[in-house]
Amino acid sequence: MTSASPPAGAITDVAGLEVGHWTATQRPTGCTVVLARAGAVGGVDVRGAAPGTRETDLLAPANLVDRVHAVLLSGGSAWGLDAAGGVMLWLDRQGIGLDVGVARVPIVPAAVLFDLHVGDASIRPDAAAGEAACEAASAQPPAEGCVGAGTGAVVGKVFGLDLAMKGGIGTASVRAGGFTVGALVACNAVGDVLDPETGTLLAGARTPDGRALRDTRTALLAGEAPRRLLAGTNTTIGVVATDAVLTKAQAQRLAMAGHDGFARAIRPAHTMLDGDTLFALGTGTSGRPPDMLLLATLAAEAVARATVRAVLTARSLTLGSLHLPAACDLPAAR
């Protein structure tokens, strides 16, 4: 049996950040906000071919605005982008945002994952959900597993939803050289999730009898045909953050490096069916300019660990005839 590993740190170990979840009670969905009340330099890298995002163009290094005030991760597919409006409203009431003379405009990039196939698809995060996530935010380590944006996440769908497993949201942090890098990942991948340290499969597509892990990579290489899947119904989204003083270009590079963590922990990753998106934040609270080689290494490590945490902390889900076991319910494969 696979059991959850000890806490591996959290994105809130990066000074200046808070995290809050909103989890629906009517069906498995929710949203998660990462707040940077003092602002943080932002970057993004979108690798999946079917993303659902908001304000990502703003983060390009050549574009004007260089600080964001929150990042939203949400379920509900494209509908979930509405929750970012609620985050903006909440920040506005706090007097937080870009000063444009006549008002302050909160900058809130967002990314969504598809969870409409679990429960009533008409229920999804909205502006009120975004506000509630902000109200719940704190600098304490956030809850993991089937909460917030990870509530309806599912992994290992290459051979059909009926043989998939429960995903979730996880967090981790690493420290070296006087810098802290943390990550928060909502894993809804089409592929399997494995422990990059050992190669052990943790969650993903199951064998036809549903009792063991199938190993999607091996199955595909052996010529097994995947099920027809709708593009965009899978995605791993997240935030990687550091206390280093970053430029926008360095923030973008940090997001790019963080995707290496997805590739280490998810097999296959960055597919035509996934909308994999990773935001980067630099709070600058260390007061130190970055060693980008070191930060890139830490970013990939934090993202990989957070992805693993996302499935190790998930719990099984049963909706009618659909049963999605979690990593803790099945013996690990090789």
C-alpha atoms as a PDB file:
ATOM      1  CA  MET A   1       0.000   0.000   0.000  1.00  0.00           C
ATOM      2  CA  THR A   2       1.128   3.546  -0.678  1.00  0.00           C
ATOM      3  CA  SER A   3       0.759   6.032   2.168  1.00  0.00           C
ATOM      4  CA  ALA A   4       1.168   9.786   2.244  1.00  0.00           C
ATOM      5  CA  SER A   5       4.706  10.937   2.903  1.00  0.00           C
ATOM      6  CA  PRO A   6       5.513  13.400   5.682  1.00  0.00           C
ATOM      7  CA  PRO A   7       4.883  17.079   4.942  1.00  0.00           C
ATOM      8  CA  ALA A   8       7.426  18.377   2.466  1.00  0.00           C
ATOM      9  CA  GLY A   9       7.134  22.075   3.202  1.00  0.00           C
ATOM     10  CA  ALA A  10       4.736  24.434   1.462  1.00  0.00           C
ATOM     11  CA  ILE A  11       4.612  27.316  -0.975  1.00  0.00           C
ATOM     12  CA  THR A  12       3.763  29.527   2.000  1.00  0.00           C
ATOM     13  CA  ASP A  13       7.328  28.992   3.223  1.00  0.00           C
ATOM     14  CA  VAL A  14       8.090  31.725   0.686  1.00  0.00           C
ATOM     15  CA  ALA A  15       7.642  34.933   2.691  1.00  0.00           C
ATOM     16  CA  GLY A  16       4.969  37.224   1.336  1.00  0.00           C
ATOM     17  CA  LEU A  17       2.552  34.557   0.091  1.00  0.00           C
ATOM     18  CA  GLU A  18      -0.776  33.255   1.408  1.00  0.00           C
ATOM     19  CA  VAL A  19      -2.956  30.422   0.100  1.00  0.00           C
ATOM     20  CA  GLY A  20      -6.691  29.890   0.420  1.00  0.00           C
ATOM     21  CA  HIS A  21      -9.062  27.203  -0.863  1.00  0.00           C
ATOM     22  CA  TRP A  22     -12.755  27.185  -1.690  1.00  0.00           C
ATOM     23  CA  THR A  23     -14.236  23.689  -1.967  1.00  0.00           C
ATOM     24  CA  ALA A  24     -17.754  23.102  -3.280  1.00  0.00           C
ATOM     25  CA  THR A  25     -20.136  21.023  -1.183  1.00  0.00           C
ATOM     26  CA  GLN A  26     -22.511  20.139  -4.054  1.00  0.00           C
ATOM     27  CA  ARG A  27     -19.983  18.292  -6.247  1.00  0.00           C
ATOM     28  CA  PRO A  28     -16.220  17.748  -6.493  1.00  0.00           C
ATOM     29  CA  THR A  29     -14.847  21.102  -7.650  1.00  0.00           C
ATOM     30  CA  GLY A  30     -13.211  24.168  -6.167  1.00  0.00           C
ATOM     31  CA  CYS A  31     -10.595  26.881  -6.561  1.00  0.00           C
ATOM     32  CA  THR A  32      -7.365  27.954  -4.891  1.00  0.00           C
ATOM     33  CA  VAL A  33      -5.805  31.395  -4.648  1.00  0.00           C
ATOM     34  CA  VAL A  34      -2.181  32.367  -4.014  1.00  0.00           C
ATOM     35  CA  LEU A  35      -2.152  35.903  -2.639  1.00  0.00           C
ATOM     36  CA  ALA A  36       0.791  38.295  -2.863  1.00  0.00           C
ATOM     37  CA  ARG A  37      -0.622  41.339  -1.080  1.00  0.00           C
ATOM     38  CA  ALA A  38       2.553  43.381  -1.551  1.00  0.00           C
ATOM     39  CA  GLY A  39       2.793  42.308  -5.183  1.00  0.00           C
ATOM     40  CA  ALA A  40       5.185  39.849  -6.778  1.00  0.00           C
ATOM     41  CA  VAL A  41       7.016  39.769 -10.073  1.00  0.00           C
ATOM     42  CA  GLY A  42       5.161  37.269 -12.244  1.00  0.00           C
ATOM     43  CA  GLY A  43       5.954  34.913 -15.091  1.00  0.00           C
ATOM     44  CA  VAL A  44       4.238  32.001 -16.805  1.00  0.00           C
ATOM     45  CA  ASP A  45       4.998  29.116 -19.118  1.00  0.00           C
ATOM     46  CA  VAL A  46       2.181  27.275 -20.898  1.00  0.00           C
ATOM     47  CA  ARG A  47       3.326  23.891 -22.220  1.00  0.00           C
ATOM     48  CA  GLY A  48       0.115  21.918 -22.638  1.00  0.00           C
ATOM     49  CA  ALA A  49      -1.746  22.159 -25.945  1.00  0.00           C
ATOM     50  CA  ALA A  50      -5.206  22.724 -24.457  1.00  0.00           C
ATOM     51  CA  PRO A  51      -4.884  25.480 -21.816  1.00  0.00           C
ATOM     52  CA  GLY A  52      -7.569  27.548 -20.124  1.00  0.00           C
ATOM     53  CA  THR A  53      -5.968  30.760 -18.885  1.00  0.00           C
ATOM     54  CA  ARG A  54      -6.419  34.445 -18.108  1.00  0.00           C
ATOM     55  CA  GLU A  55      -3.896  37.354 -18.110  1.00  0.00           C
ATOM     56  CA  THR A  56      -1.005  35.210 -19.345  1.00  0.00           C
ATOM     57  CA  ASP A  57      -0.054  37.630 -22.144  1.00  0.00           C
ATOM     58  CA  LEU A  58       0.375  40.317 -19.497  1.00  0.00           C
ATOM     59  CA  LEU A  59       3.232  38.326 -17.979  1.00  0.00           C
ATOM     60  CA  ALA A  60       5.400  38.269 -21.109  1.00  0.00           C
ATOM     61  CA  PRO A  61       8.737  39.955 -20.281  1.00  0.00           C
ATOM     62  CA  ALA A  62       8.295  42.558 -23.051  1.00  0.00           C
ATOM     63  CA  ASN A  63       4.902  43.706 -21.735  1.00  0.00           C
ATOM     64  CA  LEU A  64       4.318  46.556 -19.319  1.00  0.00           C
ATOM     65  CA  VAL A  65       2.880  45.314 -16.011  1.00  0.00           C
ATOM     66  CA  ASP A  66       5.552  43.613 -13.934  1.00  0.00           C
ATOM     67  CA  ARG A  67       3.768  42.743 -10.671  1.00  0.00           C
ATOM     68  CA  VAL A  68       0.781  40.554  -9.874  1.00  0.00           C
ATOM     69  CA  HIS A  69      -1.295  40.482  -6.693  1.00  0.00           C
ATOM     70  CA  ALA A  70      -2.677  36.943  -6.829  1.00  0.00           C
ATOM     71  CA  VAL A  71      -2.784  33.813  -8.957  1.00  0.00           C
ATOM     72  CA  LEU A  72      -5.942  31.725  -9.205  1.00  0.00           C
ATOM     73  CA  LEU A  73      -6.073  27.981  -9.885  1.00  0.00           C
ATOM     74  CA  SER A  74      -9.571  26.657 -10.484  1.00  0.00           C
ATOM     75  CA  GLY A  75     -11.698  23.712 -11.457  1.00  0.00           C
ATOM     76  CA  GLY A  76     -14.754  24.110 -13.644  1.00  0.00           C
ATOM     77  CA  SER A  77     -12.961  24.295 -17.009  1.00  0.00           C
ATOM     78  CA  ALA A  78     -13.293  27.707 -18.713  1.00  0.00           C
ATOM     79  CA  TRP A  79     -16.234  28.519 -16.438  1.00  0.00           C
ATOM     80  CA  GLY A  80     -13.819  28.553 -13.514  1.00  0.00           C
ATOM     81  CA  LEU A  81     -12.064  31.625 -14.870  1.00  0.00           C
ATOM     82  CA  ASP A  82     -15.005  33.612 -13.457  1.00  0.00           C
ATOM     83  CA  ALA A  83     -13.559  33.014  -9.981  1.00  0.00           C
ATOM     84  CA  ALA A  84     -10.678  35.373 -10.822  1.00  0.00           C
ATOM     85  CA  GLY A  85     -13.194  38.229 -10.888  1.00  0.00           C
ATOM     86  CA  GLY A  86     -14.045  37.449  -7.293  1.00  0.00           C
ATOM     87  CA  VAL A  87     -10.376  37.554  -6.354  1.00  0.00           C
ATOM     88  CA  MET A  88     -10.156  40.986  -7.983  1.00  0.00           C
ATOM     89  CA  LEU A  89     -13.186  42.227  -6.038  1.00  0.00           C
ATOM     90  CA  TRP A  90     -11.711  41.005  -2.755  1.00  0.00           C
ATOM     91  CA  LEU A  91      -8.329  42.606  -3.451  1.00  0.00           C
ATOM     92  CA  ASP A  92     -10.042  45.830  -4.471  1.00  0.00           C
ATOM     93  CA  ARG A  93     -11.783  46.001  -1.098  1.00  0.00           C
ATOM     94  CA  GLN A  94      -8.360  45.667   0.547  1.00  0.00           C
ATOM     95  CA  GLY A  95      -7.011  48.564  -1.524  1.00  0.00           C
ATOM     96  CA  ILE A  96      -4.637  46.240  -3.360  1.00  0.00           C
ATOM     97  CA  GLY A  97      -3.910  46.660  -7.056  1.00  0.00           C
ATOM     98  CA  LEU A  98      -2.079  48.541  -9.781  1.00  0.00           C
ATOM     99  CA  ASP A  99      -2.546  52.273  -9.264  1.00  0.00           C
ATOM    100  CA  VAL A 100      -4.006  53.718 -12.480  1.00  0.00           C
ATOM    101  CA  GLY A 101      -4.888  57.098 -11.004  1.00  0.00           C
ATOM    102  CA  VAL A 102      -8.662  56.756 -10.816  1.00  0.00           C
ATOM    103  CA  ALA A 103      -8.589  53.270  -9.245  1.00  0.00           C
ATOM    104  CA  ARG A 104      -6.419  50.344  -8.258  1.00  0.00           C
ATOM    105  CA  VAL A 105      -6.675  47.367 -10.611  1.00  0.00           C
ATOM    106  CA  PRO A 106      -5.701  44.015  -9.058  1.00  0.00           C
ATOM    107  CA  ILE A 107      -3.674  41.855 -11.433  1.00  0.00           C
ATOM    108  CA  VAL A 108      -4.863  38.239 -11.146  1.00  0.00           C
ATOM    109  CA  PRO A 109      -3.602  35.693 -13.714  1.00  0.00           C
ATOM    110  CA  ALA A 110      -5.481  32.387 -13.640  1.00  0.00           C
ATOM    111  CA  ALA A 111      -5.529  28.875 -15.035  1.00  0.00           C
ATOM    112  CA  VAL A 112      -8.241  26.227 -14.930  1.00  0.00           C
ATOM    113  CA  LEU A 113      -8.509  22.461 -15.098  1.00  0.00           C
ATOM    114  CA  PHE A 114     -11.357  20.301 -16.412  1.00  0.00           C
ATOM    115  CA  ASP A 115     -13.386  18.520 -13.731  1.00  0.00           C
ATOM    116  CA  LEU A 116     -16.865  18.692 -15.297  1.00  0.00           C
ATOM    117  CA  HIS A 117     -17.059  14.897 -15.681  1.00  0.00           C
ATOM    118  CA  VAL A 118     -17.343  14.334 -11.905  1.00  0.00           C
ATOM    119  CA  GLY A 119     -20.824  15.292 -10.701  1.00  0.00           C
ATOM    120  CA  ASP A 120     -23.189  18.008 -11.926  1.00  0.00           C
ATOM    121  CA  ALA A 121     -21.285  20.023 -14.549  1.00  0.00           C
ATOM    122  CA  SER A 122     -23.550  23.040 -14.004  1.00  0.00           C
ATOM    123  CA  ILE A 123     -21.878  23.601 -10.615  1.00  0.00           C
ATOM    124  CA  ARG A 124     -18.512  25.345 -10.976  1.00  0.00           C
ATOM    125  CA  PRO A 125     -16.433  28.010  -9.212  1.00  0.00           C
ATOM    126  CA  ASP A 126     -17.684  31.567  -9.713  1.00  0.00           C
ATOM    127  CA  ALA A 127     -16.800  35.041  -8.440  1.00  0.00           C
ATOM    128  CA  ALA A 128     -18.222  34.254  -5.002  1.00  0.00           C
ATOM    129  CA  ALA A 129     -15.963  31.188  -4.843  1.00  0.00           C
ATOM    130  CA  GLY A 130     -12.927  33.317  -5.647  1.00  0.00           C
ATOM    131  CA  GLU A 131     -13.826  35.759  -2.886  1.00  0.00           C
ATOM    132  CA  ALA A 132     -14.318  32.899  -0.423  1.00  0.00           C
ATOM    133  CA  ALA A 133     -10.896  31.467  -1.273  1.00  0.00           C
ATOM    134  CA  CYS A 134      -9.346  34.859  -0.503  1.00  0.00           C
ATOM    135  CA  GLU A 135     -11.205  35.070   2.816  1.00  0.00           C
ATOM    136  CA  ALA A 136      -9.780  31.667   3.735  1.00  0.00           C
ATOM    137  CA  ALA A 137      -6.197  32.533   2.762  1.00  0.00           C
ATOM    138  CA  SER A 138      -3.382  32.464   5.298  1.00  0.00           C
ATOM    139  CA  ALA A 139       0.375  32.052   5.494  1.00  0.00           C
ATOM    140  CA  GLN A 140      -0.049  28.634   7.143  1.00  0.00           C
ATOM    141  CA  PRO A 141       0.699  25.501   5.104  1.00  0.00           C
ATOM    142  CA  PRO A 142      -2.400  24.920   2.953  1.00  0.00           C
ATOM    143  CA  ALA A 143      -4.514  21.793   3.002  1.00  0.00           C
ATOM    144  CA  GLU A 144      -3.647  19.222   0.350  1.00  0.00           C
ATOM    145  CA  GLY A 145      -5.463  16.504  -1.549  1.00  0.00           C
ATOM    146  CA  CYS A 146      -9.100  16.796  -2.582  1.00  0.00           C
ATOM    147  CA  VAL A 147      -9.583  20.465  -1.741  1.00  0.00           C
ATOM    148  CA  GLY A 148      -9.700  23.692  -3.715  1.00  0.00           C
ATOM    149  CA  ALA A 149      -8.630  23.362  -7.328  1.00  0.00           C
ATOM    150  CA  GLY A 150      -7.716  19.714  -6.733  1.00  0.00           C
ATOM    151  CA  THR A 151     -11.158  18.624  -5.508  1.00  0.00           C
ATOM    152  CA  GLY A 152     -12.305  17.129  -8.819  1.00  0.00           C
ATOM    153  CA  ALA A 153      -8.879  16.307 -10.252  1.00  0.00           C
ATOM    154  CA  VAL A 154      -8.389  12.882 -11.853  1.00  0.00           C
ATOM    155  CA  VAL A 155      -5.186  11.304 -13.194  1.00  0.00           C
ATOM    156  CA  GLY A 156      -4.392   8.422 -15.532  1.00  0.00           C
ATOM    157  CA  LYS A 157      -7.214   8.774 -18.072  1.00  0.00           C
ATOM    158  CA  VAL A 158      -5.396   7.409 -21.138  1.00  0.00           C
ATOM    159  CA  PHE A 159      -7.448   4.193 -21.060  1.00  0.00           C
ATOM    160  CA  GLY A 160     -10.709   5.749 -19.892  1.00  0.00           C
ATOM    161  CA  LEU A 161     -12.147   7.530 -16.891  1.00  0.00           C
ATOM    162  CA  ASP A 162     -13.429   4.250 -15.448  1.00  0.00           C
ATOM    163  CA  LEU A 163      -9.820   3.039 -15.070  1.00  0.00           C
ATOM    164  CA  ALA A 164      -8.390   6.339 -13.811  1.00  0.00           C
ATOM    165  CA  MET A 165      -7.520   7.442 -10.275  1.00  0.00           C
ATOM    166  CA  LYS A 166      -8.028  10.422  -8.024  1.00  0.00           C
ATOM    167  CA  GLY A 167      -5.750  13.436  -8.343  1.00  0.00           C
ATOM    168  CA  GLY A 168      -5.572  16.453  -6.067  1.00  0.00           C
ATOM    169  CA  ILE A 169      -3.529  19.470  -5.054  1.00  0.00           C
ATOM    170  CA  GLY A 170      -0.155  19.354  -3.326  1.00  0.00           C
ATOM    171  CA  THR A 171       2.548  21.681  -2.116  1.00  0.00           C
ATOM    172  CA  ALA A 172       6.261  21.526  -1.281  1.00  0.00           C
ATOM    173  CA  SER A 173       9.259  23.748  -0.713  1.00  0.00           C
ATOM    174  CA  VAL A 174      13.039  23.472  -0.864  1.00  0.00           C
ATOM    175  CA  ARG A 175      15.806  25.701   0.476  1.00  0.00           C
ATOM    176  CA  ALA A 176      19.412  26.131  -0.632  1.00  0.00           C
ATOM    177  CA  GLY A 177      21.940  28.917  -0.963  1.00  0.00           C
ATOM    178  CA  GLY A 178      19.864  31.247   1.181  1.00  0.00           C
ATOM    179  CA  PHE A 179      16.826  31.023  -1.137  1.00  0.00           C
ATOM    180  CA  THR A 180      13.435  29.385  -0.632  1.00  0.00           C
ATOM    181  CA  VAL A 181      11.443  28.009  -3.558  1.00  0.00           C
ATOM    182  CA  GLY A 182       7.941  26.622  -3.070  1.00  0.00           C
ATOM    183  CA  ALA A 183       5.351  25.100  -5.379  1.00  0.00           C
ATOM    184  CA  LEU A 184       1.620  24.446  -5.399  1.00  0.00           C
ATOM    185  CA  VAL A 185       0.296  21.972  -7.996  1.00  0.00           C
ATOM    186  CA  ALA A 186      -3.209  20.810  -8.931  1.00  0.00           C
ATOM    187  CA  CYS A 187      -2.683  17.547 -10.814  1.00  0.00           C
ATOM    188  CA  ASN A 188      -5.401  16.486 -13.278  1.00  0.00           C
ATOM    189  CA  ALA A 189      -3.036  14.843 -15.779  1.00  0.00           C
ATOM    190  CA  VAL A 190      -3.979  12.439 -18.537  1.00  0.00           C
ATOM    191  CA  GLY A 191      -0.795  10.531 -17.656  1.00  0.00           C
ATOM    192  CA  ASP A 192       0.496   8.626 -14.640  1.00  0.00           C
ATOM    193  CA  VAL A 193       2.223  10.154 -11.616  1.00  0.00           C
ATOM    194  CA  LEU A 194       5.425   8.585 -10.345  1.00  0.00           C
ATOM    195  CA  ASP A 195       8.044   9.183  -7.681  1.00  0.00           C
ATOM    196  CA  PRO A 196      10.943  10.690  -9.645  1.00  0.00           C
ATOM    197  CA  GLU A 197      13.437   9.545  -7.018  1.00  0.00           C
ATOM    198  CA  THR A 198      12.608   5.839  -7.371  1.00  0.00           C
ATOM    199  CA  GLY A 199      10.588   5.566 -10.578  1.00  0.00           C
ATOM    200  CA  THR A 200       7.761   3.976  -8.601  1.00  0.00           C
ATOM    201  CA  LEU A 201       4.322   4.553 -10.074  1.00  0.00           C
ATOM    202  CA  LEU A 202       1.999   6.147  -7.536  1.00  0.00           C
ATOM    203  CA  ALA A 203      -1.269   6.802  -9.383  1.00  0.00           C
ATOM    204  CA  GLY A 204      -2.566   6.601 -12.922  1.00  0.00           C
ATOM    205  CA  ALA A 205      -4.253   4.282 -15.372  1.00  0.00           C
ATOM    206  CA  ARG A 206      -5.267   0.946 -13.887  1.00  0.00           C
ATOM    207  CA  THR A 207      -5.312  -2.547 -15.343  1.00  0.00           C
ATOM    208  CA  PRO A 208      -8.605  -3.749 -16.865  1.00  0.00           C
ATOM    209  CA  ASP A 209      -9.607  -5.419 -13.583  1.00  0.00           C
ATOM    210  CA  GLY A 210      -8.994  -2.092 -11.785  1.00  0.00           C
ATOM    211  CA  ARG A 211      -6.805  -3.653  -9.112  1.00  0.00           C
ATOM    212  CA  ALA A 212      -3.324  -2.499 -10.077  1.00  0.00           C
ATOM    213  CA  LEU A 213      -1.473   0.227 -11.926  1.00  0.00           C
ATOM    214  CA  ARG A 214      -1.103  -0.342 -15.641  1.00  0.00           C
ATOM    215  CA  ASP A 215       1.964   1.798 -16.474  1.00  0.00           C
ATOM    216  CA  THR A 216       0.743   3.985 -19.330  1.00  0.00           C
ATOM    217  CA  ARG A 217       4.219   4.461 -20.794  1.00  0.00           C
ATOM    218  CA  THR A 218       4.882   0.734 -21.062  1.00  0.00           C
ATOM    219  CA  ALA A 219       1.393   0.070 -22.401  1.00  0.00           C
ATOM    220  CA  LEU A 220       1.664   2.713 -25.120  1.00  0.00           C
ATOM    221  CA  LEU A 221       5.142   1.543 -26.130  1.00  0.00           C
ATOM    222  CA  ALA A 222       3.739  -1.992 -26.415  1.00  0.00           C
ATOM    223  CA  GLY A 223       1.128  -0.761 -28.883  1.00  0.00           C
ATOM    224  CA  GLU A 224      -1.953  -0.596 -26.671  1.00  0.00           C
ATOM    225  CA  ALA A 225      -4.406   1.911 -28.112  1.00  0.00           C
ATOM    226  CA  PRO A 226      -5.483   4.818 -25.888  1.00  0.00           C
ATOM    227  CA  ARG A 227      -9.141   5.711 -25.555  1.00  0.00           C
ATOM    228  CA  ARG A 228     -10.467   8.634 -27.553  1.00  0.00           C
ATOM    229  CA  LEU A 229     -10.309  11.588 -25.185  1.00  0.00           C
ATOM    230  CA  LEU A 230     -11.520  15.136 -25.591  1.00  0.00           C
ATOM    231  CA  ALA A 231      -8.668  17.651 -25.689  1.00  0.00           C
ATOM    232  CA  GLY A 232      -8.598  19.957 -22.687  1.00  0.00           C
ATOM    233  CA  THR A 233     -10.178  17.486 -20.264  1.00  0.00           C
ATOM    234  CA  ASN A 234      -6.823  17.086 -18.531  1.00  0.00           C
ATOM    235  CA  THR A 235      -4.361  19.593 -17.129  1.00  0.00           C
ATOM    236  CA  THR A 236      -1.763  20.093 -14.430  1.00  0.00           C
ATOM    237  CA  ILE A 237      -1.632  23.693 -13.250  1.00  0.00           C
ATOM    238  CA  GLY A 238       0.395  25.341 -10.536  1.00  0.00           C
ATOM    239  CA  VAL A 239       2.532  28.091  -9.096  1.00  0.00           C
ATOM    240  CA  VAL A 240       6.253  28.051  -8.319  1.00  0.00           C
ATOM    241  CA  ALA A 241       7.506  30.898  -6.151  1.00  0.00           C
ATOM    242  CA  THR A 242      10.714  32.209  -4.627  1.00  0.00           C
ATOM    243  CA  ASP A 243      11.836  34.917  -2.229  1.00  0.00           C
ATOM    244  CA  ALA A 244      14.607  35.997  -4.644  1.00  0.00           C
ATOM    245  CA  VAL A 245      14.485  39.395  -6.356  1.00  0.00           C
ATOM    246  CA  LEU A 246      13.485  38.547  -9.932  1.00  0.00           C
ATOM    247  CA  THR A 247      12.997  40.403 -13.179  1.00  0.00           C
ATOM    248  CA  LYS A 248      10.048  39.417 -15.378  1.00  0.00           C
ATOM    249  CA  ALA A 249      12.398  37.554 -17.712  1.00  0.00           C
ATOM    250  CA  GLN A 250      13.844  35.610 -14.772  1.00  0.00           C
ATOM    251  CA  ALA A 251      10.334  34.811 -13.524  1.00  0.00           C
ATOM    252  CA  GLN A 252       9.493  33.389 -16.934  1.00  0.00           C
ATOM    253  CA  ARG A 253      12.668  31.285 -16.880  1.00  0.00           C
ATOM    254  CA  LEU A 254      11.728  30.024 -13.409  1.00  0.00           C
ATOM    255  CA  ALA A 255       8.335  28.898 -14.742  1.00  0.00           C
ATOM    256  CA  MET A 256      10.053  27.173 -17.654  1.00  0.00           C
ATOM    257  CA  ALA A 257      12.415  25.352 -15.295  1.00  0.00           C
ATOM    258  CA  GLY A 258       9.521  24.345 -13.071  1.00  0.00           C
ATOM    259  CA  HIS A 259       7.972  22.421 -15.960  1.00  0.00           C
ATOM    260  CA  ASP A 260      10.908  20.031 -15.693  1.00  0.00           C
ATOM    261  CA  GLY A 261       9.296  18.988 -12.409  1.00  0.00           C
ATOM    262  CA  PHE A 262       6.078  18.106 -14.244  1.00  0.00           C
ATOM    263  CA  ALA A 263       8.072  16.053 -16.744  1.00  0.00           C
ATOM    264  CA  ARG A 264       9.847  14.182 -13.953  1.00  0.00           C
ATOM    265  CA  ALA A 265       6.693  13.303 -12.031  1.00  0.00           C
ATOM    266  CA  ILE A 266       4.097  12.855 -14.815  1.00  0.00           C
ATOM    267  CA  ARG A 267       4.351  10.344 -17.656  1.00  0.00           C
ATOM    268  CA  PRO A 268       3.456  11.406 -20.324  1.00  0.00           C
ATOM    269  CA  ALA A 269       3.386  15.166 -19.641  1.00  0.00           C
ATOM    270  CA  HIS A 270       2.635  18.221 -21.812  1.00  0.00           C
ATOM    271  CA  THR A 271       0.395  16.274 -24.191  1.00  0.00           C
ATOM    272  CA  MET A 272      -2.072  17.527 -26.799  1.00  0.00           C
ATOM    273  CA  LEU A 273      -4.817  16.624 -24.318  1.00  0.00           C
ATOM    274  CA  ASP A 274      -3.360  18.580 -21.371  1.00  0.00           C
ATOM    275  CA  GLY A 275      -3.332  22.323 -20.708  1.00  0.00           C
ATOM    276  CA  ASP A 276      -0.264  22.268 -18.457  1.00  0.00           C
ATOM    277  CA  THR A 277       0.396  25.784 -17.160  1.00  0.00           C
ATOM    278  CA  LEU A 278       2.848  26.955 -14.507  1.00  0.00           C
ATOM    279  CA  PHE A 279       3.021  30.462 -13.045  1.00  0.00           C
ATOM    280  CA  ALA A 280       6.120  31.841 -11.310  1.00  0.00           C
ATOM    281  CA  LEU A 281       6.223  34.473  -8.580  1.00  0.00           C
ATOM    282  CA  GLY A 282       9.167  36.352  -7.117  1.00  0.00           C
ATOM    283  CA  THR A 283       8.322  38.092  -3.842  1.00  0.00           C
ATOM    284  CA  GLY A 284      11.818  39.575  -3.411  1.00  0.00           C
ATOM    285  CA  THR A 285      11.561  39.260   0.369  1.00  0.00           C
ATOM    286  CA  SER A 286      15.090  37.830   0.635  1.00  0.00           C
ATOM    287  CA  GLY A 287      16.446  41.075  -0.813  1.00  0.00           C
ATOM    288  CA  ARG A 288      18.905  39.036  -2.872  1.00  0.00           C
ATOM    289  CA  PRO A 289      19.303  38.749  -6.648  1.00  0.00           C
ATOM    290  CA  PRO A 290      19.031  35.197  -7.908  1.00  0.00           C
ATOM    291  CA  ASP A 291      21.524  32.550  -8.843  1.00  0.00           C
ATOM    292  CA  MET A 292      19.367  31.289 -11.732  1.00  0.00           C
ATOM    293  CA  LEU A 293      21.130  27.941 -12.052  1.00  0.00           C
ATOM    294  CA  LEU A 294      20.373  27.212  -8.417  1.00  0.00           C
ATOM    295  CA  LEU A 295      16.815  28.579  -8.595  1.00  0.00           C
ATOM    296  CA  ALA A 296      16.022  26.543 -11.708  1.00  0.00           C
ATOM    297  CA  THR A 297      17.179  23.390  -9.933  1.00  0.00           C
ATOM    298  CA  LEU A 298      15.095  24.229  -6.861  1.00  0.00           C
ATOM    299  CA  ALA A 299      12.050  25.058  -8.990  1.00  0.00           C
ATOM    300  CA  ALA A 300      12.044  21.707 -10.787  1.00  0.00           C
ATOM    301  CA  GLU A 301      12.510  19.915  -7.471  1.00  0.00           C
ATOM    302  CA  ALA A 302       9.710  21.783  -5.685  1.00  0.00           C
ATOM    303  CA  VAL A 303       7.284  21.265  -8.562  1.00  0.00           C
ATOM    304  CA  ALA A 304       8.041  17.536  -8.778  1.00  0.00           C
ATOM    305  CA  ARG A 305       7.569  17.106  -5.026  1.00  0.00           C
ATOM    306  CA  ALA A 306       4.323  19.084  -5.036  1.00  0.00           C
ATOM    307  CA  THR A 307       2.998  16.961  -7.908  1.00  0.00           C
ATOM    308  CA  VAL A 308       3.742  13.792  -5.971  1.00  0.00           C
ATOM    309  CA  ARG A 309       2.062  15.269  -2.892  1.00  0.00           C
ATOM    310  CA  ALA A 310      -1.022  16.005  -4.982  1.00  0.00           C
ATOM    311  CA  VAL A 311      -1.718  12.300  -5.494  1.00  0.00           C
ATOM    312  CA  LEU A 312      -0.342  10.971  -2.200  1.00  0.00           C
ATOM    313  CA  THR A 313      -2.704  13.205  -0.215  1.00  0.00           C
ATOM    314  CA  ALA A 314      -5.749  12.551  -2.429  1.00  0.00           C
ATOM    315  CA  ARG A 315      -8.559  10.282  -1.286  1.00  0.00           C
ATOM    316  CA  SER A 316     -10.876   8.024  -3.272  1.00  0.00           C
ATOM    317  CA  LEU A 317     -14.084   9.275  -4.870  1.00  0.00           C
ATOM    318  CA  THR A 318     -17.275   7.374  -5.662  1.00  0.00           C
ATOM    319  CA  LEU A 319     -20.053   8.989  -7.695  1.00  0.00           C
ATOM    320  CA  GLY A 320     -22.764   6.570  -8.760  1.00  0.00           C
ATOM    321  CA  SER A 321     -21.096   3.788 -10.752  1.00  0.00           C
ATOM    322  CA  LEU A 322     -17.807   5.713 -11.036  1.00  0.00           C
ATOM    323  CA  HIS A 323     -15.172   4.795  -8.466  1.00  0.00           C
ATOM    324  CA  LEU A 324     -11.807   6.532  -8.516  1.00  0.00           C
ATOM    325  CA  PRO A 325      -9.350   5.037  -6.001  1.00  0.00           C
ATOM    326  CA  ALA A 326      -6.487   7.076  -4.628  1.00  0.00           C
ATOM    327  CA  ALA A 327      -2.801   6.248  -4.389  1.00  0.00           C
ATOM    328  CA  CYS A 328      -3.286   5.079  -0.803  1.00  0.00           C
ATOM    329  CA  ASP A 329      -5.772   2.412  -1.999  1.00  0.00           C
ATOM    330  CA  LEU A 330      -3.583   0.516  -4.455  1.00  0.00           C
ATOM    331  CA  PRO A 331      -0.189  -1.189  -4.243  1.00  0.00           C
ATOM    332  CA  ALA A 332       2.452   0.785  -6.135  1.00  0.00           C
ATOM    333  CA  ALA A 333       3.755  -0.569  -9.401  1.00  0.00           C
ATOM    334  CA  ARG A 334       7.409  -0.733 -10.357  1.00  0.00           C
END
